[in-house]
Each structure stands twice: as structure tokens, then as C-alpha cells.
Amino acid sequence: MNKVRVIVAATVLLLLGGDLFAQNRSSTMPEPPLWAYPVAPQAPAAAQAAAAPAEDGAALRVPGSSAVITRAQLRDAFNVAEWHPNDHPPMPDDVARGHRPDVRGCGFCHYPNGKGRPENAGVAGLPTAYIIQQMADFKSGLRKSSQPEMGPPARMIEIAKAATDEEVRAAAEYFASMKWTPWIKVVETSTVPRSRIAGGMFVPVANGGTEPLGARILEMPEDPARTEIRDPRSSFVAYVPLGSIKRGEALATTGGEGKTIRCGVCHGPNLRGLGPVPGIAGRSPSYTVRQLFDIKYGSRAGLWSELMKPVVADLSLDDMIAIAAYTASLAP
């Protein structure tokens, strides 16, 4: 029954939105916003080495874990370190290790529990079929990033091209088996901690004071020290503009007087997913904005992305911010 509803919804979207998408295809893509596509300015090699924490062999620990892990072990993408092995099912070999230079263990970036970080994707609880389709789109070149210098999407393309169908399915089934649970605290505000880009994400500047948030979303670790050593229990906070959640609710639930199409048509009445369509409630708002932006300007295509093109055709960046703030604020 769910599959029938998804097919019907897809037909409605294409019929209602085809003209909108046709008018939008020639749009010139603006510069992708840095806050959603964090790419740090390239520093000289010596400066990069000085900024990176030293691999001194020190024993590292995190709250609630008996594990003792070194920084060198944490940085091994082909033998994923585990702080909390009882928080998730046993990892398949492809998730824990990977096998070749271009197929690292999935758990390295996405964490063993599938929660991920703002610069990549939270994949826990996504439908198996959806994950497999996204890997196929990365592999075929249909899915890219609007910011080609951003590392995680580029690495996903490399991995997808090298991974076997069996490896992809094993990872997809593993991550799909886990429920998505609260991971991101959404805070409406006008001022935020002054930040910098480190490790592919924004982190607060020590003793840096505050700065205006403006028209952006700033997503950063709640405990940067624990996130830096890859503790998958250490969550994130997303600062969003004042009033953006209510504005996003109007766009997501009513279509904003014809500006877009209700999110629940495909993502389900509570936005927790429907059949092979993924849930979007409680997930990273900066990631959500990246996907809306990528789909609108053609960087992300593929089977399920086609359904989204009429949805995003008339959305401004401010609209995307509002929708992402609202969906991230929902209980998953």
C-alpha cells in the first residue's frame, strides 16, 4: 500500500510541477553558501600540520566508554575505532574496515551508529532501497555536489565507483536497521559563537565571543573536544534565524500558498519517511539545505531527485533555510 501511495504522489508532483521545473532549468547557479558547504581556505602544509592535533600515542577516553583509543587509531579509515560497540549491531566488514584504498569503512565518516556529522550524512534509519539508489547515483555521476571542493561528497563518488553491489547492499541494510533518534538541538537566535572551519565542519573559536547569525544556519558540535575524537554519543546544535521554524512549518505543511509542495506528500504525514522515501524529521539542517540547493541547480539528479525538482523550483535560499530549520526541529 505504501508503494502505491508513493507512486501516486510522484505522479501528482510531476503533473503539478513539471512546468515549474521547465522554467527553472536555465537558472544560473549562485555561489553555494559557505555555511552549508564548509570548505576551509587552503593553508600551507606547515600550518596544516601545526593545526592538527599530534598523534602522540596518548590514551584517549570518552564518557560512558571503557575503551582506550589513540588518535592514530581514530584516524584509521580502514579499521574504524569503536567507543560504544553496544550501541549498534555488529558492523559488517565493509562498514568496519573497507577493503581497498578507495573504499574506506563506512563507519569512519558516518560513525558506527550511522549518526554522521554535518559535513556528511546521517544514514541511520534511511530505507535500504534509498541508500542503494543514492550510491548508484553517485557512481553514475548523477549525484554530485554544487561545491566540488567539498571533501565528503567527492569521497562518496570515489567509494561508490569502487564498491561492489554486495558491499553497498550490506552497508545499506546495516544502516537501515537502526532507528534515527534525536541528534541535533535546534536553537533560534540572532547571535552565535564566532566560528571557524576545522575537520570539515564549523567549530567555535576559543574565547572568540559572538557574531550575528544573519541569514544562515550554523551547525556545530555541542562538545567540540568529544567530537574531535569521534565520540558518536556527542551530538550537535544548529543555530537558525529567529522565526525560521514557524516560517518553515508554513512552507512544509501548506506549500506556502503555492510556492512549493507539501513535504508530507512524499515524506509521510510526520515527515518520518514513507516506503523508499527517506524521513527528514530531526536530521541535519545544513545537510538538508545542501540537498535542496543541489537539486534545484542540477548538481543532484537521479531517480528520487526527479520528484524533488518541482518542489524546489521556486524556493529561495531563505525558504530552504526555513524548511530545514523546521524539519530539523521535529521529533524523528
C-alpha atoms as a PDB file:
ATOM      1  CA  MET A   1       0.000   0.000   0.000  1.00  0.00           C
ATOM      2  CA  ASN A   2       2.810   2.425   0.850  1.00  0.00           C
ATOM      3  CA  LYS A   3       4.452   1.862  -2.536  1.00  0.00           C
ATOM      4  CA  VAL A   4       1.170   2.647  -4.282  1.00  0.00           C
ATOM      5  CA  ARG A   5       0.868   5.895  -2.336  1.00  0.00           C
ATOM      6  CA  VAL A   6       4.421   6.873  -3.232  1.00  0.00           C
ATOM      7  CA  ILE A   7       3.811   6.215  -6.937  1.00  0.00           C
ATOM      8  CA  VAL A   8       0.582   8.250  -6.844  1.00  0.00           C
ATOM      9  CA  ALA A   9       2.355  11.088  -5.025  1.00  0.00           C
ATOM     10  CA  ALA A  10       5.178  11.027  -7.563  1.00  0.00           C
ATOM     11  CA  THR A  11       2.683  11.291 -10.413  1.00  0.00           C
ATOM     12  CA  VAL A  12       0.947  14.237  -8.743  1.00  0.00           C
ATOM     13  CA  LEU A  13       4.264  16.009  -8.197  1.00  0.00           C
ATOM     14  CA  LEU A  14       5.348  15.587 -11.781  1.00  0.00           C
ATOM     15  CA  LEU A  15       1.981  16.729 -13.147  1.00  0.00           C
ATOM     16  CA  LEU A  16       1.803  19.768 -10.867  1.00  0.00           C
ATOM     17  CA  GLY A  17       5.422  20.745 -11.004  1.00  0.00           C
ATOM     18  CA  GLY A  18       6.617  19.923 -14.495  1.00  0.00           C
ATOM     19  CA  ASP A  19       6.066  23.454 -15.792  1.00  0.00           C
ATOM     20  CA  LEU A  20       7.817  24.981 -12.807  1.00  0.00           C
ATOM     21  CA  PHE A  21      10.870  22.807 -13.350  1.00  0.00           C
ATOM     22  CA  ALA A  22      10.962  23.538 -17.083  1.00  0.00           C
ATOM     23  CA  GLN A  23      11.037  27.262 -16.311  1.00  0.00           C
ATOM     24  CA  ASN A  24      13.821  26.754 -13.755  1.00  0.00           C
ATOM     25  CA  ARG A  25      16.271  24.618 -15.710  1.00  0.00           C
ATOM     26  CA  SER A  26      18.068  27.577 -17.227  1.00  0.00           C
ATOM     27  CA  SER A  27      18.617  29.283 -13.850  1.00  0.00           C
ATOM     28  CA  THR A  28      22.201  30.306 -13.175  1.00  0.00           C
ATOM     29  CA  MET A  29      23.542  28.740 -10.013  1.00  0.00           C
ATOM     30  CA  PRO A  30      24.663  31.268  -7.393  1.00  0.00           C
ATOM     31  CA  GLU A  31      27.739  30.675  -5.268  1.00  0.00           C
ATOM     32  CA  PRO A  32      26.974  27.813  -2.845  1.00  0.00           C
ATOM     33  CA  PRO A  33      26.785  29.257   0.696  1.00  0.00           C
ATOM     34  CA  LEU A  34      29.928  28.564   2.714  1.00  0.00           C
ATOM     35  CA  TRP A  35      27.942  27.832   5.876  1.00  0.00           C
ATOM     36  CA  ALA A  36      26.257  24.882   4.146  1.00  0.00           C
ATOM     37  CA  TYR A  37      29.305  23.784   2.126  1.00  0.00           C
ATOM     38  CA  PRO A  38      32.214  24.241   4.575  1.00  0.00           C
ATOM     39  CA  VAL A  39      35.472  24.346   2.646  1.00  0.00           C
ATOM     40  CA  ALA A  40      38.339  25.882   4.576  1.00  0.00           C
ATOM     41  CA  PRO A  41      40.844  28.088   2.736  1.00  0.00           C
ATOM     42  CA  GLN A  42      43.872  26.018   1.784  1.00  0.00           C
ATOM     43  CA  ALA A  43      46.612  26.676   4.305  1.00  0.00           C
ATOM     44  CA  PRO A  44      50.316  25.938   3.717  1.00  0.00           C
ATOM     45  CA  ALA A  45      51.306  22.378   4.600  1.00  0.00           C
ATOM     46  CA  ALA A  46      53.317  23.541   7.618  1.00  0.00           C
ATOM     47  CA  ALA A  47      50.315  25.442   9.000  1.00  0.00           C
ATOM     48  CA  GLN A  48      48.040  22.435   8.484  1.00  0.00           C
ATOM     49  CA  ALA A  49      50.469  20.185  10.316  1.00  0.00           C
ATOM     50  CA  ALA A  50      50.734  22.643  13.189  1.00  0.00           C
ATOM     51  CA  ALA A  51      46.940  22.937  13.500  1.00  0.00           C
ATOM     52  CA  ALA A  52      46.290  19.186  13.545  1.00  0.00           C
ATOM     53  CA  PRO A  53      46.417  17.531  16.990  1.00  0.00           C
ATOM     54  CA  ALA A  54      49.593  15.483  17.292  1.00  0.00           C
ATOM     55  CA  GLU A  55      49.471  11.707  17.058  1.00  0.00           C
ATOM     56  CA  ASP A  56      51.442  11.326  20.260  1.00  0.00           C
ATOM     57  CA  GLY A  57      50.176   7.884  21.264  1.00  0.00           C
ATOM     58  CA  ALA A  58      48.286   9.299  24.229  1.00  0.00           C
ATOM     59  CA  ALA A  59      45.438   7.173  25.579  1.00  0.00           C
ATOM     60  CA  LEU A  60      42.112   8.876  24.822  1.00  0.00           C
ATOM     61  CA  ARG A  61      38.825   8.237  26.596  1.00  0.00           C
ATOM     62  CA  VAL A  62      35.218   9.434  26.363  1.00  0.00           C
ATOM     63  CA  PRO A  63      32.420   9.400  28.957  1.00  0.00           C
ATOM     64  CA  GLY A  64      30.478   6.153  29.227  1.00  0.00           C
ATOM     65  CA  SER A  65      33.077   4.019  27.456  1.00  0.00           C
ATOM     66  CA  SER A  66      35.737   1.682  28.787  1.00  0.00           C
ATOM     67  CA  ALA A  67      37.647   1.862  25.501  1.00  0.00           C
ATOM     68  CA  VAL A  68      41.110   3.377  25.355  1.00  0.00           C
ATOM     69  CA  ILE A  69      41.972   4.575  21.845  1.00  0.00           C
ATOM     70  CA  THR A  70      44.853   6.598  20.422  1.00  0.00           C
ATOM     71  CA  ARG A  71      44.490   9.442  17.929  1.00  0.00           C
ATOM     72  CA  ALA A  72      46.266   7.361  15.276  1.00  0.00           C
ATOM     73  CA  GLN A  73      43.671   4.610  15.709  1.00  0.00           C
ATOM     74  CA  LEU A  74      40.845   7.133  15.433  1.00  0.00           C
ATOM     75  CA  ARG A  75      42.253   8.354  12.114  1.00  0.00           C
ATOM     76  CA  ASP A  76      42.417   4.895  10.559  1.00  0.00           C
ATOM     77  CA  ALA A  77      39.607   4.849   7.993  1.00  0.00           C
ATOM     78  CA  PHE A  78      40.217   1.161   7.285  1.00  0.00           C
ATOM     79  CA  ASN A  79      39.803  -0.094  10.850  1.00  0.00           C
ATOM     80  CA  VAL A  80      37.045   2.014  12.388  1.00  0.00           C
ATOM     81  CA  ALA A  81      37.563   2.589  16.106  1.00  0.00           C
ATOM     82  CA  GLU A  82      34.553   1.947  18.343  1.00  0.00           C
ATOM     83  CA  TRP A  83      33.853   3.868  21.525  1.00  0.00           C
ATOM     84  CA  HIS A  84      30.439   2.311  22.163  1.00  0.00           C
ATOM     85  CA  PRO A  85      30.173  -1.095  20.418  1.00  0.00           C
ATOM     86  CA  ASN A  86      26.980  -1.988  22.295  1.00  0.00           C
ATOM     87  CA  ASP A  87      25.116   0.998  20.834  1.00  0.00           C
ATOM     88  CA  HIS A  88      24.654  -0.672  17.463  1.00  0.00           C
ATOM     89  CA  PRO A  89      24.549  -4.111  15.797  1.00  0.00           C
ATOM     90  CA  PRO A  90      27.863  -5.743  14.852  1.00  0.00           C
ATOM     91  CA  MET A  91      29.274  -3.815  11.908  1.00  0.00           C
ATOM     92  CA  PRO A  92      29.601  -5.667   8.592  1.00  0.00           C
ATOM     93  CA  ASP A  93      33.176  -5.891   7.403  1.00  0.00           C
ATOM     94  CA  ASP A  94      32.552  -3.241   4.731  1.00  0.00           C
ATOM     95  CA  VAL A  95      31.284  -0.770   7.330  1.00  0.00           C
ATOM     96  CA  ALA A  96      34.066  -1.508   9.819  1.00  0.00           C
ATOM     97  CA  ARG A  97      37.048  -1.687   7.509  1.00  0.00           C
ATOM     98  CA  GLY A  98      36.571  -1.280   3.809  1.00  0.00           C
ATOM     99  CA  HIS A  99      38.975  -3.234   1.635  1.00  0.00           C
ATOM    100  CA  ARG A 100      40.790  -1.114  -0.905  1.00  0.00           C
ATOM    101  CA  PRO A 101      42.474   2.304  -0.935  1.00  0.00           C
ATOM    102  CA  ASP A 102      39.342   3.919  -2.390  1.00  0.00           C
ATOM    103  CA  VAL A 103      36.768   2.019  -0.265  1.00  0.00           C
ATOM    104  CA  ARG A 104      37.189   3.094   3.332  1.00  0.00           C
ATOM    105  CA  GLY A 105      34.981   1.773   6.137  1.00  0.00           C
ATOM    106  CA  CYS A 106      31.567   3.492   6.034  1.00  0.00           C
ATOM    107  CA  GLY A 107      31.580   3.843   9.823  1.00  0.00           C
ATOM    108  CA  PHE A 108      34.567   6.170   9.680  1.00  0.00           C
ATOM    109  CA  CYS A 109      32.625   9.152   8.320  1.00  0.00           C
ATOM    110  CA  HIS A 110      29.062   8.119   9.172  1.00  0.00           C
ATOM    111  CA  TYR A 111      30.004   6.723  12.612  1.00  0.00           C
ATOM    112  CA  PRO A 112      29.294   3.113  13.567  1.00  0.00           C
ATOM    113  CA  ASN A 113      25.821   4.161  14.743  1.00  0.00           C
ATOM    114  CA  GLY A 114      25.055   5.917  11.435  1.00  0.00           C
ATOM    115  CA  LYS A 115      24.558   9.340  13.038  1.00  0.00           C
ATOM    116  CA  GLY A 116      27.155  11.138  10.934  1.00  0.00           C
ATOM    117  CA  ARG A 117      28.191  14.780  11.197  1.00  0.00           C
ATOM    118  CA  PRO A 118      27.040  17.974   9.453  1.00  0.00           C
ATOM    119  CA  GLU A 119      29.609  17.657   6.666  1.00  0.00           C
ATOM    120  CA  ASN A 120      28.300  14.231   5.620  1.00  0.00           C
ATOM    121  CA  ALA A 121      25.004  12.429   6.122  1.00  0.00           C
ATOM    122  CA  GLY A 122      23.202  10.801   8.994  1.00  0.00           C
ATOM    123  CA  VAL A 123      22.293   7.481   7.384  1.00  0.00           C
ATOM    124  CA  ALA A 124      20.796   5.515  10.283  1.00  0.00           C
ATOM    125  CA  GLY A 125      17.171   4.695   9.610  1.00  0.00           C
ATOM    126  CA  LEU A 126      17.205   5.540   5.912  1.00  0.00           C
ATOM    127  CA  PRO A 127      15.442   2.945   3.719  1.00  0.00           C
ATOM    128  CA  THR A 128      17.698   0.269   2.243  1.00  0.00           C
ATOM    129  CA  ALA A 129      16.407   0.954  -1.283  1.00  0.00           C
ATOM    130  CA  TYR A 130      17.063   4.675  -0.897  1.00  0.00           C
ATOM    131  CA  ILE A 131      20.675   4.189   0.211  1.00  0.00           C
ATOM    132  CA  ILE A 132      21.327   1.785  -2.653  1.00  0.00           C
ATOM    133  CA  GLN A 133      19.836   4.253  -5.141  1.00  0.00           C
ATOM    134  CA  GLN A 134      21.982   7.115  -3.844  1.00  0.00           C
ATOM    135  CA  MET A 135      25.125   5.011  -4.210  1.00  0.00           C
ATOM    136  CA  ALA A 136      24.077   4.193  -7.775  1.00  0.00           C
ATOM    137  CA  ASP A 137      23.555   7.902  -8.476  1.00  0.00           C
ATOM    138  CA  PHE A 138      26.986   8.768  -7.062  1.00  0.00           C
ATOM    139  CA  LYS A 139      28.508   6.009  -9.190  1.00  0.00           C
ATOM    140  CA  SER A 140      26.817   7.075 -12.433  1.00  0.00           C
ATOM    141  CA  GLY A 141      27.627  10.756 -11.960  1.00  0.00           C
ATOM    142  CA  LEU A 142      24.001  11.796 -11.464  1.00  0.00           C
ATOM    143  CA  ARG A 143      24.665  12.922  -7.911  1.00  0.00           C
ATOM    144  CA  LYS A 144      27.429  15.446  -7.242  1.00  0.00           C
ATOM    145  CA  SER A 145      27.906  18.491  -5.048  1.00  0.00           C
ATOM    146  CA  SER A 146      27.372  22.115  -6.053  1.00  0.00           C
ATOM    147  CA  GLN A 147      30.702  22.743  -4.335  1.00  0.00           C
ATOM    148  CA  PRO A 148      33.188  20.318  -5.979  1.00  0.00           C
ATOM    149  CA  GLU A 149      35.896  21.261  -3.476  1.00  0.00           C
ATOM    150  CA  MET A 150      33.883  19.843  -0.577  1.00  0.00           C
ATOM    151  CA  GLY A 151      35.594  16.644   0.518  1.00  0.00           C
ATOM    152  CA  PRO A 152      32.825  14.285   1.732  1.00  0.00           C
ATOM    153  CA  PRO A 153      30.741  14.268  -1.488  1.00  0.00           C
ATOM    154  CA  ALA A 154      33.894  13.798  -3.564  1.00  0.00           C
ATOM    155  CA  ARG A 155      34.905  10.820  -1.427  1.00  0.00           C
ATOM    156  CA  MET A 156      31.427   9.329  -1.724  1.00  0.00           C
ATOM    157  CA  ILE A 157      31.736   9.402  -5.505  1.00  0.00           C
ATOM    158  CA  GLU A 158      35.089   7.592  -5.292  1.00  0.00           C
ATOM    159  CA  ILE A 159      33.708   4.965  -2.916  1.00  0.00           C
ATOM    160  CA  ALA A 160      30.532   4.415  -4.953  1.00  0.00           C
ATOM    161  CA  LYS A 161      32.529   3.872  -8.135  1.00  0.00           C
ATOM    162  CA  ALA A 162      34.770   1.288  -6.467  1.00  0.00           C
ATOM    163  CA  ALA A 163      32.313  -0.558  -4.193  1.00  0.00           C
ATOM    164  CA  THR A 164      30.656  -3.769  -5.319  1.00  0.00           C
ATOM    165  CA  ASP A 165      26.877  -4.253  -5.301  1.00  0.00           C
ATOM    166  CA  GLU A 166      27.273  -6.700  -2.418  1.00  0.00           C
ATOM    167  CA  GLU A 167      29.241  -4.185  -0.341  1.00  0.00           C
ATOM    168  CA  VAL A 168      26.678  -1.465  -0.989  1.00  0.00           C
ATOM    169  CA  ARG A 169      23.762  -3.692  -0.001  1.00  0.00           C
ATOM    170  CA  ALA A 170      25.459  -4.907   3.178  1.00  0.00           C
ATOM    171  CA  ALA A 171      26.108  -1.335   4.310  1.00  0.00           C
ATOM    172  CA  ALA A 172      22.614  -0.183   3.308  1.00  0.00           C
ATOM    173  CA  GLU A 173      20.910  -2.970   5.223  1.00  0.00           C
ATOM    174  CA  TYR A 174      23.070  -2.309   8.274  1.00  0.00           C
ATOM    175  CA  PHE A 175      22.333   1.414   8.480  1.00  0.00           C
ATOM    176  CA  ALA A 176      18.657   0.928   7.613  1.00  0.00           C
ATOM    177  CA  SER A 177      18.305  -1.495  10.537  1.00  0.00           C
ATOM    178  CA  MET A 178      18.930   1.281  13.091  1.00  0.00           C
ATOM    179  CA  LYS A 179      16.333   3.831  14.151  1.00  0.00           C
ATOM    180  CA  TRP A 180      17.078   7.532  13.741  1.00  0.00           C
ATOM    181  CA  THR A 181      16.909   9.175  17.177  1.00  0.00           C
ATOM    182  CA  PRO A 182      17.374  12.804  18.372  1.00  0.00           C
ATOM    183  CA  TRP A 183      20.836  14.066  17.459  1.00  0.00           C
ATOM    184  CA  ILE A 184      20.577  17.789  16.705  1.00  0.00           C
ATOM    185  CA  LYS A 185      19.287  20.529  19.007  1.00  0.00           C
ATOM    186  CA  VAL A 186      17.768  23.424  17.030  1.00  0.00           C
ATOM    187  CA  VAL A 187      18.063  26.889  18.584  1.00  0.00           C
ATOM    188  CA  GLU A 188      16.549  30.072  17.146  1.00  0.00           C
ATOM    189  CA  THR A 189      18.868  33.018  17.782  1.00  0.00           C
ATOM    190  CA  SER A 190      20.266  36.226  16.342  1.00  0.00           C
ATOM    191  CA  THR A 191      23.830  35.776  17.628  1.00  0.00           C
ATOM    192  CA  VAL A 192      26.117  32.753  17.603  1.00  0.00           C
ATOM    193  CA  PRO A 193      29.601  31.814  18.788  1.00  0.00           C
ATOM    194  CA  ARG A 194      32.281  33.051  16.437  1.00  0.00           C
ATOM    195  CA  SER A 195      33.377  30.018  14.448  1.00  0.00           C
ATOM    196  CA  ARG A 196      35.975  28.584  12.114  1.00  0.00           C
ATOM    197  CA  ILE A 197      36.119  25.555   9.806  1.00  0.00           C
ATOM    198  CA  ALA A 198      38.031  22.574  11.169  1.00  0.00           C
ATOM    199  CA  GLY A 199      37.802  18.946  10.112  1.00  0.00           C
ATOM    200  CA  GLY A 200      35.134  19.743   7.526  1.00  0.00           C
ATOM    201  CA  MET A 201      32.727  21.432   9.949  1.00  0.00           C
ATOM    202  CA  PHE A 202      32.273  24.617  11.945  1.00  0.00           C
ATOM    203  CA  VAL A 203      33.649  24.764  15.481  1.00  0.00           C
ATOM    204  CA  PRO A 204      33.615  27.664  17.939  1.00  0.00           C
ATOM    205  CA  VAL A 205      36.679  29.880  18.183  1.00  0.00           C
ATOM    206  CA  ALA A 206      38.152  29.644  21.678  1.00  0.00           C
ATOM    207  CA  ASN A 207      37.415  32.888  23.525  1.00  0.00           C
ATOM    208  CA  GLY A 208      36.165  34.287  20.223  1.00  0.00           C
ATOM    209  CA  GLY A 209      32.992  35.898  21.504  1.00  0.00           C
ATOM    210  CA  THR A 210      29.885  36.073  19.341  1.00  0.00           C
ATOM    211  CA  GLU A 211      28.816  37.335  15.935  1.00  0.00           C
ATOM    212  CA  PRO A 212      25.477  37.894  14.122  1.00  0.00           C
ATOM    213  CA  LEU A 213      23.919  34.756  12.659  1.00  0.00           C
ATOM    214  CA  GLY A 214      22.251  36.575   9.779  1.00  0.00           C
ATOM    215  CA  ALA A 215      20.562  34.564   7.029  1.00  0.00           C
ATOM    216  CA  ARG A 216      22.286  31.232   7.561  1.00  0.00           C
ATOM    217  CA  ILE A 217      22.315  28.075   9.645  1.00  0.00           C
ATOM    218  CA  LEU A 218      25.335  27.414  11.824  1.00  0.00           C
ATOM    219  CA  GLU A 219      25.660  23.798  12.894  1.00  0.00           C
ATOM    220  CA  MET A 220      28.447  22.815  15.278  1.00  0.00           C
ATOM    221  CA  PRO A 221      29.337  20.268  17.959  1.00  0.00           C
ATOM    222  CA  GLU A 222      27.876  20.665  21.427  1.00  0.00           C
ATOM    223  CA  ASP A 223      31.190  19.374  22.799  1.00  0.00           C
ATOM    224  CA  PRO A 224      33.951  20.057  20.238  1.00  0.00           C
ATOM    225  CA  ALA A 225      36.575  18.082  22.189  1.00  0.00           C
ATOM    226  CA  ARG A 226      34.476  14.907  22.153  1.00  0.00           C
ATOM    227  CA  THR A 227      33.504  15.377  18.513  1.00  0.00           C
ATOM    228  CA  GLU A 228      37.155  15.880  17.558  1.00  0.00           C
ATOM    229  CA  ILE A 229      37.904  12.385  18.882  1.00  0.00           C
ATOM    230  CA  ARG A 230      34.828  10.981  17.097  1.00  0.00           C
ATOM    231  CA  ASP A 231      32.564  10.185  20.037  1.00  0.00           C
ATOM    232  CA  PRO A 232      29.292   9.085  18.384  1.00  0.00           C
ATOM    233  CA  ARG A 233      27.317   9.998  21.505  1.00  0.00           C
ATOM    234  CA  SER A 234      28.383  13.646  21.358  1.00  0.00           C
ATOM    235  CA  SER A 235      25.653  15.484  19.469  1.00  0.00           C
ATOM    236  CA  PHE A 236      25.253  18.790  17.623  1.00  0.00           C
ATOM    237  CA  VAL A 237      23.482  22.118  17.926  1.00  0.00           C
ATOM    238  CA  ALA A 238      22.055  24.005  14.949  1.00  0.00           C
ATOM    239  CA  TYR A 239      21.562  27.757  15.283  1.00  0.00           C
ATOM    240  CA  VAL A 240      18.815  29.022  12.981  1.00  0.00           C
ATOM    241  CA  PRO A 241      17.355  32.522  12.379  1.00  0.00           C
ATOM    242  CA  LEU A 242      14.614  33.862  14.624  1.00  0.00           C
ATOM    243  CA  GLY A 243      11.181  32.922  13.290  1.00  0.00           C
ATOM    244  CA  SER A 244      12.551  30.445  10.760  1.00  0.00           C
ATOM    245  CA  ILE A 245      10.900  27.374  12.303  1.00  0.00           C
ATOM    246  CA  LYS A 246       7.390  28.847  12.069  1.00  0.00           C
ATOM    247  CA  ARG A 247       8.011  30.103   8.541  1.00  0.00           C
ATOM    248  CA  GLY A 248       9.387  26.722   7.543  1.00  0.00           C
ATOM    249  CA  GLU A 249       6.352  24.994   9.019  1.00  0.00           C
ATOM    250  CA  ALA A 250       4.077  27.046   6.771  1.00  0.00           C
ATOM    251  CA  LEU A 251       6.092  26.140   3.692  1.00  0.00           C
ATOM    252  CA  ALA A 252       6.414  22.464   4.613  1.00  0.00           C
ATOM    253  CA  THR A 253       2.837  21.841   5.705  1.00  0.00           C
ATOM    254  CA  THR A 254       0.798  24.059   3.372  1.00  0.00           C
ATOM    255  CA  GLY A 255       3.115  24.679   0.435  1.00  0.00           C
ATOM    256  CA  GLY A 256       3.346  28.384   1.210  1.00  0.00           C
ATOM    257  CA  GLU A 257       0.349  29.455  -0.905  1.00  0.00           C
ATOM    258  CA  GLY A 258       1.541  27.568  -3.950  1.00  0.00           C
ATOM    259  CA  LYS A 259       5.254  28.321  -3.673  1.00  0.00           C
ATOM    260  CA  THR A 260       6.132  24.674  -3.155  1.00  0.00           C
ATOM    261  CA  ILE A 261       4.518  21.289  -2.473  1.00  0.00           C
ATOM    262  CA  ARG A 262       3.791  19.926   0.995  1.00  0.00           C
ATOM    263  CA  CYS A 263       6.669  17.798   2.285  1.00  0.00           C
ATOM    264  CA  GLY A 264       4.257  15.222   3.731  1.00  0.00           C
ATOM    265  CA  VAL A 265       3.007  14.222   0.276  1.00  0.00           C
ATOM    266  CA  CYS A 266       6.095  12.039  -0.174  1.00  0.00           C
ATOM    267  CA  HIS A 267       7.872  12.043   3.204  1.00  0.00           C
ATOM    268  CA  GLY A 268       4.780  10.987   5.171  1.00  0.00           C
ATOM    269  CA  PRO A 269       2.419  12.920   7.452  1.00  0.00           C
ATOM    270  CA  ASN A 270       5.014  13.257  10.248  1.00  0.00           C
ATOM    271  CA  LEU A 271       7.979  13.518   7.833  1.00  0.00           C
ATOM    272  CA  ARG A 272       9.455  10.262   9.132  1.00  0.00           C
ATOM    273  CA  GLY A 273       9.522   8.634   5.722  1.00  0.00           C
ATOM    274  CA  LEU A 274       7.165   6.665   3.538  1.00  0.00           C
ATOM    275  CA  GLY A 275       8.212   3.466   1.752  1.00  0.00           C
ATOM    276  CA  PRO A 276      11.545   4.104  -0.011  1.00  0.00           C
ATOM    277  CA  VAL A 277      11.269   7.875   0.550  1.00  0.00           C
ATOM    278  CA  PRO A 278      13.521   8.910   3.470  1.00  0.00           C
ATOM    279  CA  GLY A 279      12.480  10.554   6.697  1.00  0.00           C
ATOM    280  CA  ILE A 280      13.598  14.182   7.064  1.00  0.00           C
ATOM    281  CA  ALA A 281      12.414  14.892  10.619  1.00  0.00           C
ATOM    282  CA  GLY A 282      15.170  15.619  13.114  1.00  0.00           C
ATOM    283  CA  ARG A 283      18.024  15.466  10.621  1.00  0.00           C
ATOM    284  CA  SER A 284      20.877  17.897   9.937  1.00  0.00           C
ATOM    285  CA  PRO A 285      19.502  21.207   8.629  1.00  0.00           C
ATOM    286  CA  SER A 286      22.738  22.196   6.890  1.00  0.00           C
ATOM    287  CA  TYR A 287      22.705  18.837   5.088  1.00  0.00           C
ATOM    288  CA  THR A 288      19.049  19.406   4.143  1.00  0.00           C
ATOM    289  CA  VAL A 289      19.859  22.825   2.678  1.00  0.00           C
ATOM    290  CA  ARG A 290      22.709  21.316   0.644  1.00  0.00           C
ATOM    291  CA  GLN A 291      20.355  18.758  -0.875  1.00  0.00           C
ATOM    292  CA  LEU A 292      17.657  21.319  -1.701  1.00  0.00           C
ATOM    293  CA  PHE A 293      20.269  23.588  -3.270  1.00  0.00           C
ATOM    294  CA  ASP A 294      21.935  20.725  -5.191  1.00  0.00           C
ATOM    295  CA  ILE A 295      18.623  19.508  -6.575  1.00  0.00           C
ATOM    296  CA  LYS A 296      17.432  22.988  -7.575  1.00  0.00           C
ATOM    297  CA  TYR A 297      20.598  23.749  -9.526  1.00  0.00           C
ATOM    298  CA  GLY A 298      21.044  20.299 -11.056  1.00  0.00           C
ATOM    299  CA  SER A 299      24.057  19.004  -9.132  1.00  0.00           C
ATOM    300  CA  ARG A 300      21.967  16.209  -7.680  1.00  0.00           C
ATOM    301  CA  ALA A 301      19.796  14.190 -10.045  1.00  0.00           C
ATOM    302  CA  GLY A 302      18.669  10.584 -10.202  1.00  0.00           C
ATOM    303  CA  LEU A 303      15.500   8.579  -9.666  1.00  0.00           C
ATOM    304  CA  TRP A 304      14.186  10.105  -6.421  1.00  0.00           C
ATOM    305  CA  SER A 305      15.715  13.519  -7.023  1.00  0.00           C
ATOM    306  CA  GLU A 306      13.434  13.985 -10.028  1.00  0.00           C
ATOM    307  CA  LEU A 307      10.455  14.060  -7.647  1.00  0.00           C
ATOM    308  CA  MET A 308      12.027  16.975  -5.780  1.00  0.00           C
ATOM    309  CA  LYS A 309      12.700  19.258  -8.733  1.00  0.00           C
ATOM    310  CA  PRO A 310       9.204  20.793  -8.887  1.00  0.00           C
ATOM    311  CA  VAL A 311       9.317  21.120  -5.089  1.00  0.00           C
ATOM    312  CA  VAL A 312      12.473  23.279  -5.079  1.00  0.00           C
ATOM    313  CA  ALA A 313      11.909  25.170  -8.331  1.00  0.00           C
ATOM    314  CA  ASP A 314      10.619  28.375  -6.704  1.00  0.00           C
ATOM    315  CA  LEU A 315      12.412  28.141  -3.361  1.00  0.00           C
ATOM    316  CA  SER A 316      14.848  30.897  -2.402  1.00  0.00           C
ATOM    317  CA  LEU A 317      17.806  30.208  -0.130  1.00  0.00           C
ATOM    318  CA  ASP A 318      15.843  31.812   2.729  1.00  0.00           C
ATOM    319  CA  ASP A 319      12.998  29.376   2.038  1.00  0.00           C
ATOM    320  CA  MET A 320      15.422  26.460   2.175  1.00  0.00           C
ATOM    321  CA  ILE A 321      16.801  27.717   5.499  1.00  0.00           C
ATOM    322  CA  ALA A 322      13.288  27.930   6.939  1.00  0.00           C
ATOM    323  CA  ILE A 323      12.248  24.474   5.750  1.00  0.00           C
ATOM    324  CA  ALA A 324      15.457  22.904   7.048  1.00  0.00           C
ATOM    325  CA  ALA A 325      15.082  24.639  10.420  1.00  0.00           C
ATOM    326  CA  TYR A 326      11.545  23.314  10.745  1.00  0.00           C
ATOM    327  CA  THR A 327      12.245  19.739   9.682  1.00  0.00           C
ATOM    328  CA  ALA A 328      15.333  19.549  11.919  1.00  0.00           C
ATOM    329  CA  SER A 329      13.253  20.727  14.899  1.00  0.00           C
ATOM    330  CA  LEU A 330      10.817  17.802  14.601  1.00  0.00           C
ATOM    331  CA  ALA A 331      10.998  14.610  16.632  1.00  0.00           C
ATOM    332  CA  PRO A 332      12.365  11.831  14.405  1.00  0.00           C
END
